[in-house]
Amino acid sequence: MGNKSAVLLLCVMMVISFGMFGMQITASSVQDFTTCYVGCYLLCNFIPRQSTLPCSLQCLKDCIIPTPSAADIKNYCDLGCASSLCSNLSTQQHPNGEKVEACVSSCSETCTKHI
C-alpha cells in the first residue's frame, strides 16, 4: 500500500504542477516547447491505457497552440505538419523532446514560408 500511496501522491503533484505551470508555457522558444512537450507527454503516458500516438498528438496540439482560442492560421499549419511528421518520434519510454522540437521547428519554418 505504501508504494501505491507514493505513486498516487506523485500523480496528484504532477497534475497540480501541470495545471499551474503547464498552461503558462508557450512554444515561443526551444526550451519552452521541450518543457511543455516532455511534461505533457510524461503526464499523458502516466495515465493508464494511453497509447503513444494520442499522447503525441495531444501534446503537439497543446504546445503548438497555447490557448484554445488561438485561431492563427500558422498555428494550425504547424499542428498539421507536426501531427503528420513529428508524432511518431516519441515512445512511451522516451519522449524525445529535442527531436520533436527540431521537427516542429522545421514545420514552423515551412509554414512561415508558405503563409
PDB file of N, CA and C in Angstrom:
ATOM      1  N   MET A   1       0.808  -1.197   0.000  1.00  0.00           N
ATOM      2  CA  MET A   1       0.000   0.000   0.000  1.00  0.00           C
ATOM      3  C   MET A   1       0.854   1.265   0.000  1.00  0.00           C
ATOM      4  N   GLY A   2       2.027   1.195   0.613  1.00  0.00           N
ATOM      5  CA  GLY A   2       2.902   2.356   0.668  1.00  0.00           C
ATOM      6  C   GLY A   2       3.321   2.831  -0.708  1.00  0.00           C
ATOM      7  N   ASN A   3       3.656   1.907  -1.590  1.00  0.00           N
ATOM      8  CA  ASN A   3       4.058   2.273  -2.948  1.00  0.00           C
ATOM      9  C   ASN A   3       2.904   2.877  -3.729  1.00  0.00           C
ATOM     10  N   LYS A   4       1.704   2.331  -3.559  1.00  0.00           N
ATOM     11  CA  LYS A   4       0.540   2.882  -4.260  1.00  0.00           C
ATOM     12  C   LYS A   4       0.258   4.302  -3.792  1.00  0.00           C
ATOM     13  N   SER A   5       0.402   4.551  -2.497  1.00  0.00           N
ATOM     14  CA  SER A   5       0.180   5.895  -1.962  1.00  0.00           C
ATOM     15  C   SER A   5       1.208   6.874  -2.513  1.00  0.00           C
ATOM     16  N   ALA A   6       2.460   6.439  -2.600  1.00  0.00           N
ATOM     17  CA  ALA A   6       3.512   7.305  -3.135  1.00  0.00           C
ATOM     18  C   ALA A   6       3.263   7.623  -4.606  1.00  0.00           C
ATOM     19  N   VAL A   7       2.848   6.627  -5.371  1.00  0.00           N
ATOM     20  CA  VAL A   7       2.554   6.839  -6.792  1.00  0.00           C
ATOM     21  C   VAL A   7       1.367   7.778  -6.948  1.00  0.00           C
ATOM     22  N   LEU A   8       0.335   7.588  -6.140  1.00  0.00           N
ATOM     23  CA  LEU A   8      -0.839   8.462  -6.196  1.00  0.00           C
ATOM     24  C   LEU A   8      -0.462   9.893  -5.836  1.00  0.00           C
ATOM     25  N   LEU A   9       0.350  10.063  -4.799  1.00  0.00           N
ATOM     26  CA  LEU A   9       0.792  11.396  -4.398  1.00  0.00           C
ATOM     27  C   LEU A   9       1.605  12.051  -5.511  1.00  0.00           C
ATOM     28  N   LEU A  10       2.504  11.295  -6.131  1.00  0.00           N
ATOM     29  CA  LEU A  10       3.291  11.816  -7.243  1.00  0.00           C
ATOM     30  C   LEU A  10       2.389  12.243  -8.396  1.00  0.00           C
ATOM     31  N   CYS A  11       1.408  11.426  -8.702  1.00  0.00           N
ATOM     32  CA  CYS A  11       0.469  11.738  -9.782  1.00  0.00           C
ATOM     33  C   CYS A  11      -0.290  13.021  -9.486  1.00  0.00           C
ATOM     34  N   VAL A  12      -0.788  13.153  -8.277  1.00  0.00           N
ATOM     35  CA  VAL A  12      -1.533  14.354  -7.885  1.00  0.00           C
ATOM     36  C   VAL A  12      -0.632  15.582  -7.973  1.00  0.00           C
ATOM     37  N   MET A  13       0.605  15.459  -7.503  1.00  0.00           N
ATOM     38  CA  MET A  13       1.536  16.586  -7.570  1.00  0.00           C
ATOM     39  C   MET A  13       1.834  16.973  -9.012  1.00  0.00           C
ATOM     40  N   MET A  14       1.987  15.979  -9.890  1.00  0.00           N
ATOM     41  CA  MET A  14       2.246  16.268 -11.302  1.00  0.00           C
ATOM     42  C   MET A  14       1.058  16.979 -11.936  1.00  0.00           C
ATOM     43  N   VAL A  15      -0.145  16.523 -11.632  1.00  0.00           N
ATOM     44  CA  VAL A  15      -1.346  17.144 -12.195  1.00  0.00           C
ATOM     45  C   VAL A  15      -1.470  18.577 -11.714  1.00  0.00           C
ATOM     46  N   ILE A  16      -1.236  18.806 -10.425  1.00  0.00           N
ATOM     47  CA  ILE A  16      -1.319  20.162  -9.881  1.00  0.00           C
ATOM     48  C   ILE A  16      -0.254  21.047 -10.513  1.00  0.00           C
ATOM     49  N   SER A  17       0.980  20.547 -10.589  1.00  0.00           N
ATOM     50  CA  SER A  17       2.062  21.328 -11.199  1.00  0.00           C
ATOM     51  C   SER A  17       1.764  21.634 -12.653  1.00  0.00           C
ATOM     52  N   PHE A  18       1.296  20.634 -13.384  1.00  0.00           N
ATOM     53  CA  PHE A  18       0.974  20.849 -14.793  1.00  0.00           C
ATOM     54  C   PHE A  18      -0.152  21.864 -14.931  1.00  0.00           C
ATOM     55  N   GLY A  19      -1.138  21.775 -14.070  1.00  0.00           N
ATOM     56  CA  GLY A  19      -2.246  22.721 -14.114  1.00  0.00           C
ATOM     57  C   GLY A  19      -1.801  24.140 -13.838  1.00  0.00           C
ATOM     58  N   MET A  20      -0.872  24.303 -12.885  1.00  0.00           N
ATOM     59  CA  MET A  20      -0.416  25.640 -12.523  1.00  0.00           C
ATOM     60  C   MET A  20       0.567  26.208 -13.535  1.00  0.00           C
ATOM     61  N   PHE A  21       1.484  25.387 -14.013  1.00  0.00           N
ATOM     62  CA  PHE A  21       2.554  25.887 -14.860  1.00  0.00           C
ATOM     63  C   PHE A  21       2.405  25.512 -16.328  1.00  0.00           C
ATOM     64  N   GLY A  22       1.803  24.389 -16.615  1.00  0.00           N
ATOM     65  CA  GLY A  22       1.707  23.896 -17.980  1.00  0.00           C
ATOM     66  C   GLY A  22       0.943  24.820 -18.898  1.00  0.00           C
ATOM     67  N   MET A  23      -0.095  25.451 -18.399  1.00  0.00           N
ATOM     68  CA  MET A  23      -0.897  26.315 -19.249  1.00  0.00           C
ATOM     69  C   MET A  23      -0.201  27.639 -19.539  1.00  0.00           C
ATOM     70  N   GLN A  24       0.832  27.982 -18.749  1.00  0.00           N
ATOM     71  CA  GLN A  24       1.542  29.230 -18.964  1.00  0.00           C
ATOM     72  C   GLN A  24       2.678  29.073 -19.966  1.00  0.00           C
ATOM     73  N   ILE A  25       3.004  27.848 -20.321  1.00  0.00           N
ATOM     74  CA  ILE A  25       4.123  27.592 -21.221  1.00  0.00           C
ATOM     75  C   ILE A  25       3.649  27.721 -22.666  1.00  0.00           C
ATOM     76  N   THR A  26       4.415  28.422 -23.488  1.00  0.00           N
ATOM     77  CA  THR A  26       4.102  28.521 -24.910  1.00  0.00           C
ATOM     78  C   THR A  26       5.264  27.952 -25.700  1.00  0.00           C
ATOM     79  N   ALA A  27       5.050  27.751 -26.968  1.00  0.00           N
ATOM     80  CA  ALA A  27       6.098  27.196 -27.828  1.00  0.00           C
ATOM     81  C   ALA A  27       6.933  28.303 -28.453  1.00  0.00           C
ATOM     82  N   SER A  28       7.156  29.392 -27.719  1.00  0.00           N
ATOM     83  CA  SER A  28       7.870  30.534 -28.277  1.00  0.00           C
ATOM     84  C   SER A  28       9.370  30.323 -28.363  1.00  0.00           C
ATOM     85  N   SER A  29       9.898  29.342 -27.682  1.00  0.00           N
ATOM     86  CA  SER A  29      11.328  29.058 -27.777  1.00  0.00           C
ATOM     87  C   SER A  29      11.558  27.561 -27.668  1.00  0.00           C
ATOM     88  N   VAL A  30      12.768  27.148 -27.981  1.00  0.00           N
ATOM     89  CA  VAL A  30      13.116  25.729 -27.941  1.00  0.00           C
ATOM     90  C   VAL A  30      12.892  25.167 -26.549  1.00  0.00           C
ATOM     91  N   GLN A  31      13.405  25.836 -25.527  1.00  0.00           N
ATOM     92  CA  GLN A  31      13.287  25.327 -24.163  1.00  0.00           C
ATOM     93  C   GLN A  31      11.827  25.264 -23.732  1.00  0.00           C
ATOM     94  N   ASP A  32      11.041  26.290 -24.060  1.00  0.00           N
ATOM     95  CA  ASP A  32       9.633  26.278 -23.684  1.00  0.00           C
ATOM     96  C   ASP A  32       8.896  25.120 -24.338  1.00  0.00           C
ATOM     97  N   PHE A  33       9.158  24.887 -25.631  1.00  0.00           N
ATOM     98  CA  PHE A  33       8.478  23.784 -26.301  1.00  0.00           C
ATOM     99  C   PHE A  33       8.884  22.455 -25.687  1.00  0.00           C
ATOM    100  N   THR A  34      10.180  22.256 -25.493  1.00  0.00           N
ATOM    101  CA  THR A  34      10.661  20.991 -24.940  1.00  0.00           C
ATOM    102  C   THR A  34      10.070  20.753 -23.560  1.00  0.00           C
ATOM    103  N   THR A  35      10.058  21.772 -22.717  1.00  0.00           N
ATOM    104  CA  THR A  35       9.486  21.650 -21.374  1.00  0.00           C
ATOM    105  C   THR A  35       8.006  21.315 -21.454  1.00  0.00           C
ATOM    106  N   CYS A  36       7.286  22.025 -22.303  1.00  0.00           N
ATOM    107  CA  CYS A  36       5.854  21.781 -22.467  1.00  0.00           C
ATOM    108  C   CYS A  36       5.606  20.365 -22.963  1.00  0.00           C
ATOM    109  N   TYR A  37       6.304  19.972 -24.032  1.00  0.00           N
ATOM    110  CA  TYR A  37       6.054  18.677 -24.659  1.00  0.00           C
ATOM    111  C   TYR A  37       6.421  17.518 -23.736  1.00  0.00           C
ATOM    112  N   VAL A  38       7.606  17.563 -23.148  1.00  0.00           N
ATOM    113  CA  VAL A  38       8.038  16.458 -22.286  1.00  0.00           C
ATOM    114  C   VAL A  38       7.127  16.340 -21.070  1.00  0.00           C
ATOM    115  N   GLY A  39       6.786  17.472 -20.438  1.00  0.00           N
ATOM    116  CA  GLY A  39       5.886  17.431 -19.282  1.00  0.00           C
ATOM    117  C   GLY A  39       4.522  16.873 -19.644  1.00  0.00           C
ATOM    118  N   CYS A  40       3.970  17.349 -20.743  1.00  0.00           N
ATOM    119  CA  CYS A  40       2.669  16.870 -21.209  1.00  0.00           C
ATOM    120  C   CYS A  40       2.731  15.388 -21.545  1.00  0.00           C
ATOM    121  N   TYR A  41       3.769  14.981 -22.272  1.00  0.00           N
ATOM    122  CA  TYR A  41       3.894  13.596 -22.731  1.00  0.00           C
ATOM    123  C   TYR A  41       4.047  12.628 -21.564  1.00  0.00           C
ATOM    124  N   LEU A  42       4.885  12.988 -20.601  1.00  0.00           N
ATOM    125  CA  LEU A  42       5.077  12.116 -19.442  1.00  0.00           C
ATOM    126  C   LEU A  42       3.795  12.002 -18.633  1.00  0.00           C
ATOM    127  N   LEU A  43       3.101  13.119 -18.436  1.00  0.00           N
ATOM    128  CA  LEU A  43       1.840  13.092 -17.697  1.00  0.00           C
ATOM    129  C   LEU A  43       0.804  12.262 -18.442  1.00  0.00           C
ATOM    130  N   CYS A  44       0.707  12.438 -19.736  1.00  0.00           N
ATOM    131  CA  CYS A  44      -0.258  11.691 -20.546  1.00  0.00           C
ATOM    132  C   CYS A  44       0.016  10.189 -20.480  1.00  0.00           C
ATOM    133  N   ASN A  45       1.279   9.804 -20.565  1.00  0.00           N
ATOM    134  CA  ASN A  45       1.623   8.382 -20.524  1.00  0.00           C
ATOM    135  C   ASN A  45       1.566   7.794 -19.129  1.00  0.00           C
ATOM    136  N   PHE A  46       1.507   8.637 -18.107  1.00  0.00           N
ATOM    137  CA  PHE A  46       1.391   8.161 -16.734  1.00  0.00           C
ATOM    138  C   PHE A  46      -0.020   7.637 -16.479  1.00  0.00           C
ATOM    139  N   ILE A  47      -0.984   8.168 -17.238  1.00  0.00           N
ATOM    140  CA  ILE A  47      -2.372   7.729 -17.113  1.00  0.00           C
ATOM    141  C   ILE A  47      -2.495   6.363 -17.780  1.00  0.00           C
ATOM    142  N   PRO A  48      -2.997   5.355 -17.075  1.00  0.00           N
ATOM    143  CA  PRO A  48      -3.083   4.001 -17.649  1.00  0.00           C
ATOM    144  C   PRO A  48      -3.900   3.949 -18.939  1.00  0.00           C
ATOM    145  N   ARG A  49      -3.524   3.018 -19.804  1.00  0.00           N
ATOM    146  CA  ARG A  49      -4.216   2.694 -21.056  1.00  0.00           C
ATOM    147  C   ARG A  49      -4.176   3.814 -22.087  1.00  0.00           C
ATOM    148  N   GLN A  50      -3.182   4.650 -22.030  1.00  0.00           N
ATOM    149  CA  GLN A  50      -2.988   5.653 -23.074  1.00  0.00           C
ATOM    150  C   GLN A  50      -1.951   5.103 -24.043  1.00  0.00           C
ATOM    151  N   SER A  51      -2.252   5.137 -25.329  1.00  0.00           N
ATOM    152  CA  SER A  51      -1.259   4.695 -26.302  1.00  0.00           C
ATOM    153  C   SER A  51      -0.368   5.872 -26.679  1.00  0.00           C
ATOM    154  N   THR A  52       0.751   5.596 -27.321  1.00  0.00           N
ATOM    155  CA  THR A  52       1.743   6.620 -27.633  1.00  0.00           C
ATOM    156  C   THR A  52       1.215   7.678 -28.594  1.00  0.00           C
ATOM    157  N   LEU A  53       0.560   7.288 -29.654  1.00  0.00           N
ATOM    158  CA  LEU A  53       0.139   8.252 -30.668  1.00  0.00           C
ATOM    159  C   LEU A  53      -0.825   9.307 -30.137  1.00  0.00           C
ATOM    160  N   PRO A  54      -1.888   8.944 -29.422  1.00  0.00           N
ATOM    161  CA  PRO A  54      -2.760  10.005 -28.921  1.00  0.00           C
ATOM    162  C   PRO A  54      -2.041  10.989 -27.997  1.00  0.00           C
ATOM    163  N   CYS A  55      -1.105  10.525 -27.173  1.00  0.00           N
ATOM    164  CA  CYS A  55      -0.348  11.436 -26.313  1.00  0.00           C
ATOM    165  C   CYS A  55       0.498  12.382 -27.160  1.00  0.00           C
ATOM    166  N   SER A  56       1.148  11.865 -28.182  1.00  0.00           N
ATOM    167  CA  SER A  56       1.962  12.713 -29.054  1.00  0.00           C
ATOM    168  C   SER A  56       1.107  13.794 -29.696  1.00  0.00           C
ATOM    169  N   LEU A  57      -0.021  13.398 -30.254  1.00  0.00           N
ATOM    170  CA  LEU A  57      -0.889  14.364 -30.931  1.00  0.00           C
ATOM    171  C   LEU A  57      -1.455  15.386 -29.959  1.00  0.00           C
ATOM    172  N   GLN A  58      -1.902  14.929 -28.792  1.00  0.00           N
ATOM    173  CA  GLN A  58      -2.457  15.843 -27.798  1.00  0.00           C
ATOM    174  C   GLN A  58      -1.404  16.850 -27.348  1.00  0.00           C
ATOM    175  N   CYS A  59      -0.196  16.386 -27.085  1.00  0.00           N
ATOM    176  CA  CYS A  59       0.854  17.276 -26.596  1.00  0.00           C
ATOM    177  C   CYS A  59       1.358  18.217 -27.686  1.00  0.00           C
ATOM    178  N   LEU A  60       1.422  17.747 -28.922  1.00  0.00           N
ATOM    179  CA  LEU A  60       1.765  18.655 -30.018  1.00  0.00           C
ATOM    180  C   LEU A  60       0.736  19.774 -30.099  1.00  0.00           C
ATOM    181  N   LYS A  61      -0.538  19.417 -30.032  1.00  0.00           N
ATOM    182  CA  LYS A  61      -1.597  20.428 -30.084  1.00  0.00           C
ATOM    183  C   LYS A  61      -1.474  21.406 -28.925  1.00  0.00           C
ATOM    184  N   ASP A  62      -1.311  20.881 -27.711  1.00  0.00           N
ATOM    185  CA  ASP A  62      -1.262  21.737 -26.527  1.00  0.00           C
ATOM    186  C   ASP A  62      -0.045  22.656 -26.516  1.00  0.00           C
ATOM    187  N   CYS A  63       1.079  22.210 -27.054  1.00  0.00           N
ATOM    188  CA  CYS A  63       2.304  23.006 -27.001  1.00  0.00           C
ATOM    189  C   CYS A  63       2.496  23.906 -28.217  1.00  0.00           C
ATOM    190  N   ILE A  64       1.886  23.582 -29.345  1.00  0.00           N
ATOM    191  CA  ILE A  64       1.984  24.437 -30.528  1.00  0.00           C
ATOM    192  C   ILE A  64       0.918  25.526 -30.494  1.00  0.00           C
ATOM    193  N   ILE A  65      -0.275  25.175 -30.089  1.00  0.00           N
ATOM    194  CA  ILE A  65      -1.366  26.140 -29.986  1.00  0.00           C
ATOM    195  C   ILE A  65      -1.616  26.355 -28.500  1.00  0.00           C
ATOM    196  N   PRO A  66      -0.997  27.395 -27.908  1.00  0.00           N
ATOM    197  CA  PRO A  66      -1.004  27.545 -26.461  1.00  0.00           C
ATOM    198  C   PRO A  66      -2.374  27.771 -25.831  1.00  0.00           C
ATOM    199  N   THR A  67      -3.298  28.387 -26.533  1.00  0.00           N
ATOM    200  CA  THR A  67      -4.629  28.607 -25.966  1.00  0.00           C
ATOM    201  C   THR A  67      -5.676  28.108 -26.946  1.00  0.00           C
ATOM    202  N   PRO A  68      -6.775  27.558 -26.436  1.00  0.00           N
ATOM    203  CA  PRO A  68      -7.811  27.039 -27.330  1.00  0.00           C
ATOM    204  C   PRO A  68      -8.404  28.094 -28.259  1.00  0.00           C
ATOM    205  N   SER A  69      -8.317  29.359 -27.904  1.00  0.00           N
ATOM    206  CA  SER A  69      -8.915  30.405 -28.729  1.00  0.00           C
ATOM    207  C   SER A  69      -7.977  30.894 -29.839  1.00  0.00           C
ATOM    208  N   ALA A  70      -6.791  30.356 -29.916  1.00  0.00           N
ATOM    209  CA  ALA A  70      -5.840  30.789 -30.941  1.00  0.00           C
ATOM    210  C   ALA A  70      -6.311  30.317 -32.310  1.00  0.00           C
ATOM    211  N   ALA A  71      -6.723  31.265 -33.151  1.00  0.00           N
ATOM    212  CA  ALA A  71      -7.239  30.924 -34.475  1.00  0.00           C
ATOM    213  C   ALA A  71      -6.236  31.289 -35.557  1.00  0.00           C
ATOM    214  N   ASP A  72      -4.988  31.402 -35.190  1.00  0.00           N
ATOM    215  CA  ASP A  72      -3.938  31.785 -36.118  1.00  0.00           C
ATOM    216  C   ASP A  72      -3.705  30.671 -37.140  1.00  0.00           C
ATOM    217  N   ILE A  73      -3.789  31.002 -38.411  1.00  0.00           N
ATOM    218  CA  ILE A  73      -3.628  30.016 -39.485  1.00  0.00           C
ATOM    219  C   ILE A  73      -2.272  29.317 -39.407  1.00  0.00           C
ATOM    220  N   LYS A  74      -1.215  30.050 -39.074  1.00  0.00           N
ATOM    221  CA  LYS A  74       0.110  29.443 -38.986  1.00  0.00           C
ATOM    222  C   LYS A  74       0.152  28.367 -37.905  1.00  0.00           C
ATOM    223  N   ASN A  75      -0.503  28.607 -36.786  1.00  0.00           N
ATOM    224  CA  ASN A  75      -0.519  27.595 -35.722  1.00  0.00           C
ATOM    225  C   ASN A  75      -1.159  26.301 -36.210  1.00  0.00           C
ATOM    226  N   TYR A  76      -2.226  26.413 -36.966  1.00  0.00           N
ATOM    227  CA  TYR A  76      -2.881  25.210 -37.476  1.00  0.00           C
ATOM    228  C   TYR A  76      -2.033  24.529 -38.549  1.00  0.00           C
ATOM    229  N   CYS A  77      -1.316  25.313 -39.335  1.00  0.00           N
ATOM    230  CA  CYS A  77      -0.374  24.728 -40.295  1.00  0.00           C
ATOM    231  C   CYS A  77       0.719  23.975 -39.541  1.00  0.00           C
ATOM    232  N   ASP A  78       1.267  24.610 -38.497  1.00  0.00           N
ATOM    233  CA  ASP A  78       2.292  23.959 -37.669  1.00  0.00           C
ATOM    234  C   ASP A  78       1.764  22.650 -37.094  1.00  0.00           C
ATOM    235  N   LEU A  79       0.544  22.681 -36.583  1.00  0.00           N
ATOM    236  CA  LEU A  79      -0.039  21.488 -35.963  1.00  0.00           C
ATOM    237  C   LEU A  79      -0.245  20.377 -36.988  1.00  0.00           C
ATOM    238  N   GLY A  80      -0.761  20.718 -38.157  1.00  0.00           N
ATOM    239  CA  GLY A  80      -0.976  19.698 -39.189  1.00  0.00           C
ATOM    240  C   GLY A  80       0.331  19.058 -39.634  1.00  0.00           C
ATOM    241  N   CYS A  81       1.331  19.886 -39.853  1.00  0.00           N
ATOM    242  CA  CYS A  81       2.646  19.377 -40.259  1.00  0.00           C
ATOM    243  C   CYS A  81       3.237  18.506 -39.153  1.00  0.00           C
ATOM    244  N   ALA A  82       3.217  18.998 -37.922  1.00  0.00           N
ATOM    245  CA  ALA A  82       3.796  18.255 -36.796  1.00  0.00           C
ATOM    246  C   ALA A  82       3.045  16.957 -36.539  1.00  0.00           C
ATOM    247  N   SER A  83       1.732  16.977 -36.704  1.00  0.00           N
ATOM    248  CA  SER A  83       0.944  15.761 -36.488  1.00  0.00           C
ATOM    249  C   SER A  83       1.345  14.663 -37.458  1.00  0.00           C
ATOM    250  N   SER A  84       1.610  15.051 -38.691  1.00  0.00           N
ATOM    251  CA  SER A  84       1.941  14.025 -39.675  1.00  0.00           C
ATOM    252  C   SER A  84       3.419  13.651 -39.681  1.00  0.00           C
ATOM    253  N   LEU A  85       4.303  14.559 -39.293  1.00  0.00           N
ATOM    254  CA  LEU A  85       5.735  14.274 -39.384  1.00  0.00           C
ATOM    255  C   LEU A  85       6.434  14.019 -38.048  1.00  0.00           C
ATOM    256  N   CYS A  86       5.889  14.538 -36.946  1.00  0.00           N
ATOM    257  CA  CYS A  86       6.629  14.513 -35.678  1.00  0.00           C
ATOM    258  C   CYS A  86       6.056  13.575 -34.619  1.00  0.00           C
ATOM    259  N   SER A  87       4.811  13.177 -34.751  1.00  0.00           N
ATOM    260  CA  SER A  87       4.154  12.420 -33.675  1.00  0.00           C
ATOM    261  C   SER A  87       4.713  11.020 -33.485  1.00  0.00           C
ATOM    262  N   ASN A  88       5.420  10.488 -34.462  1.00  0.00           N
ATOM    263  CA  ASN A  88       5.961   9.133 -34.338  1.00  0.00           C
ATOM    264  C   ASN A  88       7.382   9.113 -33.778  1.00  0.00           C
ATOM    265  N   LEU A  89       7.911  10.242 -33.365  1.00  0.00           N
ATOM    266  CA  LEU A  89       9.279  10.304 -32.844  1.00  0.00           C
ATOM    267  C   LEU A  89       9.366   9.929 -31.364  1.00  0.00           C
ATOM    268  N   SER A  90       8.239   9.877 -30.668  1.00  0.00           N
ATOM    269  CA  SER A  90       8.211   9.586 -29.236  1.00  0.00           C
ATOM    270  C   SER A  90       7.818   8.142 -28.981  1.00  0.00           C
ATOM    271  N   THR A  91       8.387   7.589 -27.917  1.00  0.00           N
ATOM    272  CA  THR A  91       7.969   6.273 -27.433  1.00  0.00           C
ATOM    273  C   THR A  91       7.555   6.435 -25.982  1.00  0.00           C
ATOM    274  N   GLN A  92       6.871   5.440 -25.438  1.00  0.00           N
ATOM    275  CA  GLN A  92       6.459   5.544 -24.043  1.00  0.00           C
ATOM    276  C   GLN A  92       7.660   5.651 -23.119  1.00  0.00           C
ATOM    277  N   GLN A  93       8.776   5.054 -23.486  1.00  0.00           N
ATOM    278  CA  GLN A  93       9.960   5.099 -22.645  1.00  0.00           C
ATOM    279  C   GLN A  93      10.769   6.386 -22.828  1.00  0.00           C
ATOM    280  N   HIS A  94      10.670   7.014 -23.976  1.00  0.00           N
ATOM    281  CA  HIS A  94      11.478   8.203 -24.250  1.00  0.00           C
ATOM    282  C   HIS A  94      10.700   9.176 -25.126  1.00  0.00           C
ATOM    283  N   PRO A  95      10.287  10.328 -24.564  1.00  0.00           N
ATOM    284  CA  PRO A  95       9.510  11.287 -25.346  1.00  0.00           C
ATOM    285  C   PRO A  95      10.301  11.998 -26.443  1.00  0.00           C
ATOM    286  N   ASN A  96      11.646  11.964 -26.380  1.00  0.00           N
ATOM    287  CA  ASN A  96      12.482  12.593 -27.415  1.00  0.00           C
ATOM    288  C   ASN A  96      12.116  14.051 -27.663  1.00  0.00           C
ATOM    289  N   GLY A  97      11.995  14.815 -26.592  1.00  0.00           N
ATOM    290  CA  GLY A  97      11.586  16.214 -26.698  1.00  0.00           C
ATOM    291  C   GLY A  97      12.415  17.035 -27.658  1.00  0.00           C
ATOM    292  N   GLU A  98      13.735  16.828 -27.661  1.00  0.00           N
ATOM    293  CA  GLU A  98      14.599  17.615 -28.540  1.00  0.00           C
ATOM    294  C   GLU A  98      14.357  17.279 -30.011  1.00  0.00           C
ATOM    295  N   LYS A  99      14.197  15.996 -30.314  1.00  0.00           N
ATOM    296  CA  LYS A  99      13.934  15.590 -31.704  1.00  0.00           C
ATOM    297  C   LYS A  99      12.577  16.107 -32.172  1.00  0.00           C
ATOM    298  N   VAL A 100      11.573  16.023 -31.294  1.00  0.00           N
ATOM    299  CA  VAL A 100      10.244  16.517 -31.656  1.00  0.00           C
ATOM    300  C   VAL A 100      10.301  18.026 -31.864  1.00  0.00           C
ATOM    301  N   GLU A 101      11.031  18.730 -31.001  1.00  0.00           N
ATOM    302  CA  GLU A 101      11.145  20.177 -31.137  1.00  0.00           C
ATOM    303  C   GLU A 101      11.812  20.551 -32.451  1.00  0.00           C
ATOM    304  N   ALA A 102      12.862  19.833 -32.833  1.00  0.00           N
ATOM    305  CA  ALA A 102      13.537  20.108 -34.104  1.00  0.00           C
ATOM    306  C   ALA A 102      12.588  19.878 -35.277  1.00  0.00           C
ATOM    307  N   CYS A 103      11.801  18.833 -35.193  1.00  0.00           N
ATOM    308  CA  CYS A 103      10.823  18.535 -36.240  1.00  0.00           C
ATOM    309  C   CYS A 103       9.767  19.642 -36.318  1.00  0.00           C
ATOM    310  N   VAL A 104       9.271  20.073 -35.146  1.00  0.00           N
ATOM    311  CA  VAL A 104       8.261  21.137 -35.097  1.00  0.00           C
ATOM    312  C   VAL A 104       8.848  22.445 -35.624  1.00  0.00           C
ATOM    313  N   SER A 105      10.110  22.728 -35.300  1.00  0.00           N
ATOM    314  CA  SER A 105      10.760  23.940 -35.816  1.00  0.00           C
ATOM    315  C   SER A 105      10.840  23.913 -37.334  1.00  0.00           C
ATOM    316  N   SER A 106      11.142  22.749 -37.881  1.00  0.00           N
ATOM    317  CA  SER A 106      11.184  22.600 -39.332  1.00  0.00           C
ATOM    318  C   SER A 106       9.804  22.853 -39.933  1.00  0.00           C
ATOM    319  N   CYS A 107       8.781  22.317 -39.287  1.00  0.00           N
ATOM    320  CA  CYS A 107       7.408  22.564 -39.750  1.00  0.00           C
ATOM    321  C   CYS A 107       7.087  24.051 -39.688  1.00  0.00           C
ATOM    322  N   SER A 108       7.492  24.694 -38.594  1.00  0.00           N
ATOM    323  CA  SER A 108       7.213  26.116 -38.431  1.00  0.00           C
ATOM    324  C   SER A 108       7.870  26.939 -39.531  1.00  0.00           C
ATOM    325  N   GLU A 109       9.114  26.599 -39.873  1.00  0.00           N
ATOM    326  CA  GLU A 109       9.805  27.298 -40.961  1.00  0.00           C
ATOM    327  C   GLU A 109       9.077  27.097 -42.286  1.00  0.00           C
ATOM    328  N   THR A 110       8.650  25.872 -42.542  1.00  0.00           N
ATOM    329  CA  THR A 110       7.923  25.575 -43.779  1.00  0.00           C
ATOM    330  C   THR A 110       6.616  26.357 -43.838  1.00  0.00           C
ATOM    331  N   CYS A 111       5.877  26.359 -42.737  1.00  0.00           N
ATOM    332  CA  CYS A 111       4.592  27.069 -42.711  1.00  0.00           C
ATOM    333  C   CYS A 111       4.791  28.572 -42.850  1.00  0.00           C
ATOM    334  N   THR A 112       5.840  29.114 -42.240  1.00  0.00           N
ATOM    335  CA  THR A 112       6.114  30.547 -42.338  1.00  0.00           C
ATOM    336  C   THR A 112       6.384  30.946 -43.786  1.00  0.00           C
ATOM    337  N   LYS A 113       7.103  30.111 -44.517  1.00  0.00           N
ATOM    338  CA  LYS A 113       7.422  30.400 -45.918  1.00  0.00           C
ATOM    339  C   LYS A 113       6.178  30.377 -46.803  1.00  0.00           C
ATOM    340  N   HIS A 114       5.213  29.535 -46.469  1.00  0.00           N
ATOM    341  CA  HIS A 114       4.065  29.327 -47.349  1.00  0.00           C
ATOM    342  C   HIS A 114       2.817  30.103 -46.945  1.00  0.00           C
ATOM    343  N   ILE A 115       2.876  30.806 -45.851  1.00  0.00           N
ATOM    344  CA  ILE A 115       1.674  31.553 -45.423  1.00  0.00           C
ATOM    345  C   ILE A 115       1.904  33.030 -45.595  1.00  0.00           C
TER     346      ILE A 115
END
